[in-house]
Each structure stands twice: as structure tokens, then as C-alpha cells.
PDB file of N, CA and C in Angstrom:
ATOM      1  N   UNK A   1     -14.986  15.136  11.064  1.00  0.00           N
ATOM      2  CA  UNK A   1     -14.828  15.418   9.660  1.00  0.00           C
ATOM      3  C   UNK A   1     -14.945  14.114   8.871  1.00  0.00           C
ATOM      4  N   UNK A   2     -15.724  14.129   7.806  1.00  0.00           N
ATOM      5  CA  UNK A   2     -15.881  12.968   6.931  1.00  0.00           C
ATOM      6  C   UNK A   2     -14.910  13.120   5.765  1.00  0.00           C
ATOM      7  N   UNK A   3     -14.128  12.073   5.532  1.00  0.00           N
ATOM      8  CA  UNK A   3     -13.182  12.089   4.427  1.00  0.00           C
ATOM      9  C   UNK A   3     -13.752  11.432   3.176  1.00  0.00           C
ATOM     10  N   UNK A   4     -14.488  10.347   3.365  1.00  0.00           N
ATOM     11  CA  UNK A   4     -14.985   9.595   2.224  1.00  0.00           C
ATOM     12  C   UNK A   4     -16.177   8.752   2.636  1.00  0.00           C
ATOM     13  N   UNK A   5     -17.058   8.478   1.681  1.00  0.00           N
ATOM     14  CA  UNK A   5     -18.229   7.648   1.924  1.00  0.00           C
ATOM     15  C   UNK A   5     -18.221   6.490   0.939  1.00  0.00           C
ATOM     16  N   UNK A   6     -18.329   5.282   1.444  1.00  0.00           N
ATOM     17  CA  UNK A   6     -18.458   4.084   0.623  1.00  0.00           C
ATOM     18  C   UNK A   6     -19.832   3.508   0.916  1.00  0.00           C
ATOM     19  N   UNK A   7     -20.754   3.618  -0.012  1.00  0.00           N
ATOM     20  CA  UNK A   7     -22.066   3.073   0.271  1.00  0.00           C
ATOM     21  C   UNK A   7     -23.115   3.448  -0.743  1.00  0.00           C
ATOM     22  N   UNK A   8     -24.356   3.292  -0.328  1.00  0.00           N
ATOM     23  CA  UNK A   8     -25.507   3.519  -1.185  1.00  0.00           C
ATOM     24  C   UNK A   8     -26.096   4.905  -0.951  1.00  0.00           C
ATOM     25  N   UNK A   9     -26.510   5.526  -2.043  1.00  0.00           N
ATOM     26  CA  UNK A   9     -27.225   6.797  -1.985  1.00  0.00           C
ATOM     27  C   UNK A   9     -28.640   6.561  -2.500  1.00  0.00           C
ATOM     28  N   UNK A  10     -29.581   7.311  -1.960  1.00  0.00           N
ATOM     29  CA  UNK A  10     -30.957   7.263  -2.445  1.00  0.00           C
ATOM     30  C   UNK A  10     -31.456   8.686  -2.550  1.00  0.00           C
ATOM     31  N   UNK A  11     -31.827   9.100  -3.742  1.00  0.00           N
ATOM     32  CA  UNK A  11     -32.261  10.474  -3.988  1.00  0.00           C
ATOM     33  C   UNK A  11     -31.237  11.495  -3.501  1.00  0.00           C
ATOM     34  N   UNK A  12     -29.962  11.194  -3.725  1.00  0.00           N
ATOM     35  CA  UNK A  12     -28.887  12.102  -3.347  1.00  0.00           C
ATOM     36  C   UNK A  12     -28.550  12.138  -1.870  1.00  0.00           C
ATOM     37  N   UNK A  13     -29.146  11.237  -1.083  1.00  0.00           N
ATOM     38  CA  UNK A  13     -28.887  11.194   0.362  1.00  0.00           C
ATOM     39  C   UNK A  13     -28.227   9.871   0.734  1.00  0.00           C
ATOM     40  N   UNK A  14     -27.383   9.929   1.763  1.00  0.00           N
ATOM     41  CA  UNK A  14     -26.769   8.704   2.261  1.00  0.00           C
ATOM     42  C   UNK A  14     -27.864   7.746   2.707  1.00  0.00           C
ATOM     43  N   UNK A  15     -27.713   6.464   2.363  1.00  0.00           N
ATOM     44  CA  UNK A  15     -28.708   5.457   2.737  1.00  0.00           C
ATOM     45  C   UNK A  15     -28.102   4.405   3.668  1.00  0.00           C
ATOM     46  N   UNK A  16     -26.972   3.833   3.243  1.00  0.00           N
ATOM     47  CA  UNK A  16     -26.340   2.767   4.023  1.00  0.00           C
ATOM     48  C   UNK A  16     -24.905   2.619   3.568  1.00  0.00           C
ATOM     49  N   UNK A  17     -23.978   2.678   4.502  1.00  0.00           N
ATOM     50  CA  UNK A  17     -22.582   2.490   4.129  1.00  0.00           C
ATOM     51  C   UNK A  17     -21.622   2.881   5.227  1.00  0.00           C
ATOM     52  N   UNK A  18     -20.390   3.083   4.801  1.00  0.00           N
ATOM     53  CA  UNK A  18     -19.282   3.389   5.701  1.00  0.00           C
ATOM     54  C   UNK A  18     -18.850   4.836   5.495  1.00  0.00           C
ATOM     55  N   UNK A  19     -18.746   5.565   6.577  1.00  0.00           N
ATOM     56  CA  UNK A  19     -18.142   6.892   6.550  1.00  0.00           C
ATOM     57  C   UNK A  19     -16.706   6.737   7.038  1.00  0.00           C
ATOM     58  N   UNK A  20     -15.754   7.230   6.251  1.00  0.00           N
ATOM     59  CA  UNK A  20     -14.375   7.270   6.716  1.00  0.00           C
ATOM     60  C   UNK A  20     -14.196   8.616   7.396  1.00  0.00           C
ATOM     61  N   UNK A  21     -13.942   8.566   8.693  1.00  0.00           N
ATOM     62  CA  UNK A  21     -13.809   9.794   9.475  1.00  0.00           C
ATOM     63  C   UNK A  21     -12.383   9.901  10.001  1.00  0.00           C
ATOM     64  N   UNK A  22     -12.068  10.994  10.667  1.00  0.00           N
ATOM     65  CA  UNK A  22     -10.682  11.252  11.049  1.00  0.00           C
ATOM     66  C   UNK A  22     -10.070  10.222  11.988  1.00  0.00           C
ATOM     67  N   UNK A  23     -10.866   9.457  12.701  1.00  0.00           N
ATOM     68  CA  UNK A  23     -10.285   8.466  13.615  1.00  0.00           C
ATOM     69  C   UNK A  23     -10.729   7.040  13.288  1.00  0.00           C
ATOM     70  N   UNK A  24     -11.164   6.782  12.054  1.00  0.00           N
ATOM     71  CA  UNK A  24     -11.541   5.425  11.681  1.00  0.00           C
ATOM     72  C   UNK A  24     -12.755   5.391  10.772  1.00  0.00           C
ATOM     73  N   UNK A  25     -13.632   4.446  11.043  1.00  0.00           N
ATOM     74  CA  UNK A  25     -14.811   4.234  10.205  1.00  0.00           C
ATOM     75  C   UNK A  25     -16.068   4.208  11.066  1.00  0.00           C
ATOM     76  N   UNK A  26     -17.176   4.567  10.423  1.00  0.00           N
ATOM     77  CA  UNK A  26     -18.463   4.508  11.109  1.00  0.00           C
ATOM     78  C   UNK A  26     -19.501   3.990  10.124  1.00  0.00           C
ATOM     79  N   UNK A  27     -20.253   2.976  10.553  1.00  0.00           N
ATOM     80  CA  UNK A  27     -21.332   2.443   9.739  1.00  0.00           C
ATOM     81  C   UNK A  27     -22.580   3.272  10.003  1.00  0.00           C
ATOM     82  N   UNK A  28     -23.234   3.685   8.930  1.00  0.00           N
ATOM     83  CA  UNK A  28     -24.441   4.496   9.053  1.00  0.00           C
ATOM     84  C   UNK A  28     -25.550   3.907   8.189  1.00  0.00           C
ATOM     85  N   UNK A  29     -26.759   3.948   8.720  1.00  0.00           N
ATOM     86  CA  UNK A  29     -27.957   3.501   8.004  1.00  0.00           C
ATOM     87  C   UNK A  29     -29.047   4.526   8.293  1.00  0.00           C
ATOM     88  N   UNK A  30     -29.748   4.965   7.228  1.00  0.00           N
ATOM     89  CA  UNK A  30     -30.757   6.012   7.373  1.00  0.00           C
ATOM     90  C   UNK A  30     -32.086   5.571   6.779  1.00  0.00           C
ATOM     91  N   UNK A  31     -33.170   6.090   7.334  1.00  0.00           N
ATOM     92  CA  UNK A  31     -34.487   5.841   6.744  1.00  0.00           C
ATOM     93  C   UNK A  31     -34.736   6.882   5.653  1.00  0.00           C
ATOM     94  N   UNK A  32     -35.925   6.868   5.066  1.00  0.00           N
ATOM     95  CA  UNK A  32     -36.234   7.759   3.945  1.00  0.00           C
ATOM     96  C   UNK A  32     -36.264   9.240   4.342  1.00  0.00           C
ATOM     97  N   UNK A  33     -36.400   9.529   5.634  1.00  0.00           N
ATOM     98  CA  UNK A  33     -36.374  10.913   6.115  1.00  0.00           C
ATOM     99  C   UNK A  33     -34.991  11.329   6.597  1.00  0.00           C
ATOM    100  N   UNK A  34     -33.986  10.508   6.282  1.00  0.00           N
ATOM    101  CA  UNK A  34     -32.594  10.754   6.650  1.00  0.00           C
ATOM    102  C   UNK A  34     -32.386  10.789   8.164  1.00  0.00           C
ATOM    103  N   UNK A  35     -33.134   9.936   8.848  1.00  0.00           N
ATOM    104  CA  UNK A  35     -32.963   9.766  10.296  1.00  0.00           C
ATOM    105  C   UNK A  35     -32.117   8.512  10.499  1.00  0.00           C
ATOM    106  N   UNK A  36     -31.065   8.652  11.298  1.00  0.00           N
ATOM    107  CA  UNK A  36     -30.154   7.523  11.521  1.00  0.00           C
ATOM    108  C   UNK A  36     -30.878   6.379  12.220  1.00  0.00           C
ATOM    109  N   UNK A  37     -30.650   5.195  11.710  1.00  0.00           N
ATOM    110  CA  UNK A  37     -31.244   3.991  12.286  1.00  0.00           C
ATOM    111  C   UNK A  37     -30.182   3.205  13.038  1.00  0.00           C
ATOM    112  N   UNK A  38     -30.629   2.382  13.961  1.00  0.00           N
ATOM    113  CA  UNK A  38     -29.711   1.521  14.696  1.00  0.00           C
ATOM    114  C   UNK A  38     -29.113   0.492  13.740  1.00  0.00           C
ATOM    115  N   UNK A  39     -27.820   0.237  13.895  1.00  0.00           N
ATOM    116  CA  UNK A  39     -27.169  -0.774  13.060  1.00  0.00           C
ATOM    117  C   UNK A  39     -26.925  -2.043  13.875  1.00  0.00           C
ATOM    118  N   UNK A  40     -27.065  -3.171  13.202  1.00  0.00           N
ATOM    119  CA  UNK A  40     -26.822  -4.471  13.818  1.00  0.00           C
ATOM    120  C   UNK A  40     -25.437  -4.972  13.413  1.00  0.00           C
ATOM    121  N   UNK A  41     -25.007  -6.038  14.045  1.00  0.00           N
ATOM    122  CA  UNK A  41     -23.725  -6.653  13.663  1.00  0.00           C
ATOM    123  C   UNK A  41     -23.758  -7.069  12.191  1.00  0.00           C
ATOM    124  N   UNK A  42     -24.884  -7.609  11.735  1.00  0.00           N
ATOM    125  CA  UNK A  42     -25.009  -7.990  10.328  1.00  0.00           C
ATOM    126  C   UNK A  42     -24.891  -6.771   9.408  1.00  0.00           C
ATOM    127  N   UNK A  43     -25.466  -5.640   9.823  1.00  0.00           N
ATOM    128  CA  UNK A  43     -25.323  -4.410   9.044  1.00  0.00           C
ATOM    129  C   UNK A  43     -23.856  -4.015   8.926  1.00  0.00           C
ATOM    130  N   UNK A  44     -23.144  -4.103  10.010  1.00  0.00           N
ATOM    131  CA  UNK A  44     -21.732  -3.715  10.029  1.00  0.00           C
ATOM    132  C   UNK A  44     -20.927  -4.612   9.095  1.00  0.00           C
ATOM    133  N   UNK A  45     -21.145  -5.910   9.169  1.00  0.00           N
ATOM    134  CA  UNK A  45     -20.436  -6.858   8.297  1.00  0.00           C
ATOM    135  C   UNK A  45     -20.768  -6.561   6.836  1.00  0.00           C
ATOM    136  N   UNK A  46     -22.055  -6.384   6.538  1.00  0.00           N
ATOM    137  CA  UNK A  46     -22.479  -6.093   5.171  1.00  0.00           C
ATOM    138  C   UNK A  46     -21.874  -4.793   4.666  1.00  0.00           C
ATOM    139  N   UNK A  47     -21.873  -3.763   5.503  1.00  0.00           N
ATOM    140  CA  UNK A  47     -21.351  -2.456   5.105  1.00  0.00           C
ATOM    141  C   UNK A  47     -19.871  -2.522   4.760  1.00  0.00           C
ATOM    142  N   UNK A  48     -19.083  -3.203   5.579  1.00  0.00           N
ATOM    143  CA  UNK A  48     -17.651  -3.298   5.291  1.00  0.00           C
ATOM    144  C   UNK A  48     -17.394  -4.140   4.050  1.00  0.00           C
ATOM    145  N   UNK A  49     -18.176  -5.185   3.852  1.00  0.00           N
ATOM    146  CA  UNK A  49     -18.039  -6.007   2.657  1.00  0.00           C
ATOM    147  C   UNK A  49     -18.370  -5.185   1.412  1.00  0.00           C
ATOM    148  N   UNK A  50     -19.474  -4.454   1.450  1.00  0.00           N
ATOM    149  CA  UNK A  50     -19.855  -3.611   0.319  1.00  0.00           C
ATOM    150  C   UNK A  50     -18.833  -2.504   0.076  1.00  0.00           C
ATOM    151  N   UNK A  51     -18.339  -1.906   1.133  1.00  0.00           N
ATOM    152  CA  UNK A  51     -17.351  -0.831   0.997  1.00  0.00           C
ATOM    153  C   UNK A  51     -16.072  -1.364   0.355  1.00  0.00           C
ATOM    154  N   UNK A  52     -15.647  -2.550   0.758  1.00  0.00           N
ATOM    155  CA  UNK A  52     -14.470  -3.165   0.146  1.00  0.00           C
ATOM    156  C   UNK A  52     -14.691  -3.410  -1.336  1.00  0.00           C
ATOM    157  N   UNK A  53     -15.886  -3.880  -1.689  1.00  0.00           N
ATOM    158  CA  UNK A  53     -16.217  -4.106  -3.103  1.00  0.00           C
ATOM    159  C   UNK A  53     -16.204  -2.800  -3.893  1.00  0.00           C
ATOM    160  N   UNK A  54     -16.764  -1.752  -3.302  1.00  0.00           N
ATOM    161  CA  UNK A  54     -16.801  -0.448  -3.967  1.00  0.00           C
ATOM    162  C   UNK A  54     -15.383   0.058  -4.224  1.00  0.00           C
ATOM    163  N   UNK A  55     -14.537  -0.005  -3.216  1.00  0.00           N
ATOM    164  CA  UNK A  55     -13.160   0.480  -3.365  1.00  0.00           C
ATOM    165  C   UNK A  55     -12.402  -0.345  -4.407  1.00  0.00           C
ATOM    166  N   UNK A  56     -12.603  -1.658  -4.416  1.00  0.00           N
ATOM    167  CA  UNK A  56     -11.921  -2.515  -5.382  1.00  0.00           C
ATOM    168  C   UNK A  56     -12.393  -2.215  -6.806  1.00  0.00           C
ATOM    169  N   UNK A  57     -13.691  -2.082  -6.998  1.00  0.00           N
ATOM    170  CA  UNK A  57     -14.218  -1.761  -8.332  1.00  0.00           C
ATOM    171  C   UNK A  57     -13.706  -0.399  -8.809  1.00  0.00           C
ATOM    172  N   UNK A  58     -13.630   0.549  -7.899  1.00  0.00           N
ATOM    173  CA  UNK A  58     -13.127   1.870  -8.265  1.00  0.00           C
ATOM    174  C   UNK A  58     -11.653   1.787  -8.660  1.00  0.00           C
ATOM    175  N   UNK A  59     -10.884   0.972  -7.957  1.00  0.00           N
ATOM    176  CA  UNK A  59      -9.465   0.823  -8.302  1.00  0.00           C
ATOM    177  C   UNK A  59      -9.308   0.251  -9.711  1.00  0.00           C
ATOM    178  N   UNK A  60     -10.173  -0.684 -10.080  1.00  0.00           N
ATOM    179  CA  UNK A  60     -10.133  -1.273 -11.429  1.00  0.00           C
ATOM    180  C   UNK A  60     -10.422  -0.201 -12.482  1.00  0.00           C
ATOM    181  N   UNK A  61     -11.425   0.627 -12.217  1.00  0.00           N
ATOM    182  CA  UNK A  61     -11.761   1.696 -13.165  1.00  0.00           C
ATOM    183  C   UNK A  61     -10.612   2.697 -13.295  1.00  0.00           C
ATOM    184  N   UNK A  62      -9.984   3.031 -12.188  1.00  0.00           N
ATOM    185  CA  UNK A  62      -8.849   3.957 -12.233  1.00  0.00           C
ATOM    186  C   UNK A  62      -7.679   3.358 -12.995  1.00  0.00           C
ATOM    187  N   UNK A  63      -7.458   2.071 -12.830  1.00  0.00           N
ATOM    188  CA  UNK A  63      -6.389   1.376 -13.554  1.00  0.00           C
ATOM    189  C   UNK A  63      -6.655   1.432 -15.066  1.00  0.00           C
ATOM    190  N   UNK A  64      -7.908   1.250 -15.460  1.00  0.00           N
ATOM    191  CA  UNK A  64      -8.271   1.267 -16.880  1.00  0.00           C
ATOM    192  C   UNK A  64      -7.944   2.599 -17.546  1.00  0.00           C
ATOM    193  N   UNK A  65      -8.051   3.682 -16.804  1.00  0.00           N
ATOM    194  CA  UNK A  65      -7.770   4.995 -17.395  1.00  0.00           C
ATOM    195  C   UNK A  65      -6.329   5.444 -17.154  1.00  0.00           C
ATOM    196  N   UNK A  66      -5.517   4.534 -16.602  1.00  0.00           N
ATOM    197  CA  UNK A  66      -4.100   4.813 -16.454  1.00  0.00           C
ATOM    198  C   UNK A  66      -3.688   5.537 -15.193  1.00  0.00           C
ATOM    199  N   UNK A  67      -4.574   5.636 -14.220  1.00  0.00           N
ATOM    200  CA  UNK A  67      -4.246   6.321 -12.973  1.00  0.00           C
ATOM    201  C   UNK A  67      -3.787   5.283 -11.944  1.00  0.00           C
ATOM    202  N   UNK A  68      -2.555   4.794 -12.120  1.00  0.00           N
ATOM    203  CA  UNK A  68      -2.032   3.710 -11.298  1.00  0.00           C
ATOM    204  C   UNK A  68      -1.897   4.099  -9.826  1.00  0.00           C
ATOM    205  N   UNK A  69      -1.470   5.310  -9.549  1.00  0.00           N
ATOM    206  CA  UNK A  69      -1.288   5.739  -8.157  1.00  0.00           C
ATOM    207  C   UNK A  69      -2.599   5.668  -7.379  1.00  0.00           C
ATOM    208  N   UNK A  70      -3.652   6.227  -7.941  1.00  0.00           N
ATOM    209  CA  UNK A  70      -4.951   6.183  -7.267  1.00  0.00           C
ATOM    210  C   UNK A  70      -5.521   4.771  -7.255  1.00  0.00           C
ATOM    211  N   UNK A  71      -5.304   4.021  -8.334  1.00  0.00           N
ATOM    212  CA  UNK A  71      -5.777   2.633  -8.374  1.00  0.00           C
ATOM    213  C   UNK A  71      -5.143   1.823  -7.256  1.00  0.00           C
ATOM    214  N   UNK A  72      -3.852   1.998  -7.054  1.00  0.00           N
ATOM    215  CA  UNK A  72      -3.156   1.285  -5.971  1.00  0.00           C
ATOM    216  C   UNK A  72      -3.692   1.695  -4.605  1.00  0.00           C
ATOM    217  N   UNK A  73      -3.968   2.992  -4.431  1.00  0.00           N
ATOM    218  CA  UNK A  73      -4.506   3.479  -3.163  1.00  0.00           C
ATOM    219  C   UNK A  73      -5.840   2.792  -2.845  1.00  0.00           C
ATOM    220  N   UNK A  74      -6.742   2.766  -3.820  1.00  0.00           N
ATOM    221  CA  UNK A  74      -8.064   2.184  -3.566  1.00  0.00           C
ATOM    222  C   UNK A  74      -8.026   0.660  -3.467  1.00  0.00           C
ATOM    223  N   UNK A  75      -7.074   0.035  -4.113  1.00  0.00           N
ATOM    224  CA  UNK A  75      -6.913  -1.407  -3.937  1.00  0.00           C
ATOM    225  C   UNK A  75      -6.478  -1.708  -2.503  1.00  0.00           C
ATOM    226  N   UNK A  76      -5.530  -0.936  -1.990  1.00  0.00           N
ATOM    227  CA  UNK A  76      -5.098  -1.095  -0.589  1.00  0.00           C
ATOM    228  C   UNK A  76      -6.250  -0.765   0.367  1.00  0.00           C
ATOM    229  N   UNK A  77      -7.014   0.253   0.031  1.00  0.00           N
ATOM    230  CA  UNK A  77      -8.155   0.646   0.863  1.00  0.00           C
ATOM    231  C   UNK A  77      -9.188  -0.483   0.902  1.00  0.00           C
ATOM    232  N   UNK A  78      -9.402  -1.165  -0.226  1.00  0.00           N
ATOM    233  CA  UNK A  78     -10.367  -2.267  -0.249  1.00  0.00           C
ATOM    234  C   UNK A  78      -9.926  -3.377   0.702  1.00  0.00           C
ATOM    235  N   UNK A  79      -8.651  -3.681   0.727  1.00  0.00           N
ATOM    236  CA  UNK A  79      -8.136  -4.709   1.642  1.00  0.00           C
ATOM    237  C   UNK A  79      -8.325  -4.264   3.085  1.00  0.00           C
ATOM    238  N   UNK A  80      -8.032  -2.997   3.350  1.00  0.00           N
ATOM    239  CA  UNK A  80      -8.215  -2.448   4.700  1.00  0.00           C
ATOM    240  C   UNK A  80      -9.685  -2.571   5.153  1.00  0.00           C
ATOM    241  N   UNK A  81     -10.597  -2.256   4.248  1.00  0.00           N
ATOM    242  CA  UNK A  81     -12.029  -2.343   4.581  1.00  0.00           C
ATOM    243  C   UNK A  81     -12.455  -3.780   4.794  1.00  0.00           C
ATOM    244  N   UNK A  82     -12.031  -4.700   3.921  1.00  0.00           N
ATOM    245  CA  UNK A  82     -12.349  -6.115   4.091  1.00  0.00           C
ATOM    246  C   UNK A  82     -11.829  -6.646   5.432  1.00  0.00           C
ATOM    247  N   UNK A  83     -10.650  -6.170   5.832  1.00  0.00           N
ATOM    248  CA  UNK A  83     -10.013  -6.674   7.046  1.00  0.00           C
ATOM    249  C   UNK A  83     -10.561  -6.079   8.335  1.00  0.00           C
ATOM    250  N   UNK A  84     -11.453  -5.125   8.255  1.00  0.00           N
ATOM    251  CA  UNK A  84     -12.017  -4.524   9.456  1.00  0.00           C
ATOM    252  C   UNK A  84     -12.789  -5.535  10.302  1.00  0.00           C
ATOM    253  N   UNK A  85     -13.284  -6.570   9.686  1.00  0.00           N
ATOM    254  CA  UNK A  85     -14.090  -7.549  10.422  1.00  0.00           C
ATOM    255  C   UNK A  85     -13.284  -8.754  10.893  1.00  0.00           C
ATOM    256  N   UNK A  86     -11.977  -8.764  10.640  1.00  0.00           N
ATOM    257  CA  UNK A  86     -11.125  -9.869  11.102  1.00  0.00           C
ATOM    258  C   UNK A  86     -10.852  -9.767  12.591  1.00  0.00           C
TER     259      UNK A  86
END
């Protein structure tokens, strides 16, 4: 089961990013026909870095509209994503 996706979409399809699944995270990269491609260590590092940035930016937007609870959740999530490569 996929809970959340942090990454890039192209024409409404997943392109490159992190899937948050029931037992952790999975890095996925797809070609234009939505066929999964092999990921490298550099892809994994880039994906977690981008996912952390996405979660942090989203937390800022939520804070701006006064949704502190969700903003705090995504700020913590950004730290969790950044720390996956430690």
C-alpha cells in the first residue's frame, strides 16, 4: 500500500521520487512509458534529498495558512527523509 509520494510527475504519471509504503520508503524512477528503471545510489541520494525539500516546502505552506499540526508533521517528515541517507 502506498501512503504518500514525494517526487516529480510528468503528464500525471510518477517520474522520479520516493514512495512511502507500509514498511518504509522506496525510490522509483520511470521512463516515458511508465516502465520502472533501475535506480543507482546517486538516484537514491537525490530522491531522498528532493523528498525532504518537498516535505519542508509543504510544511512552510501549511504554516502560512495556519495549519500548525500538519505543518509540524511535514517538518518532522522532512527531517526523517533527509536522515535516511545517514
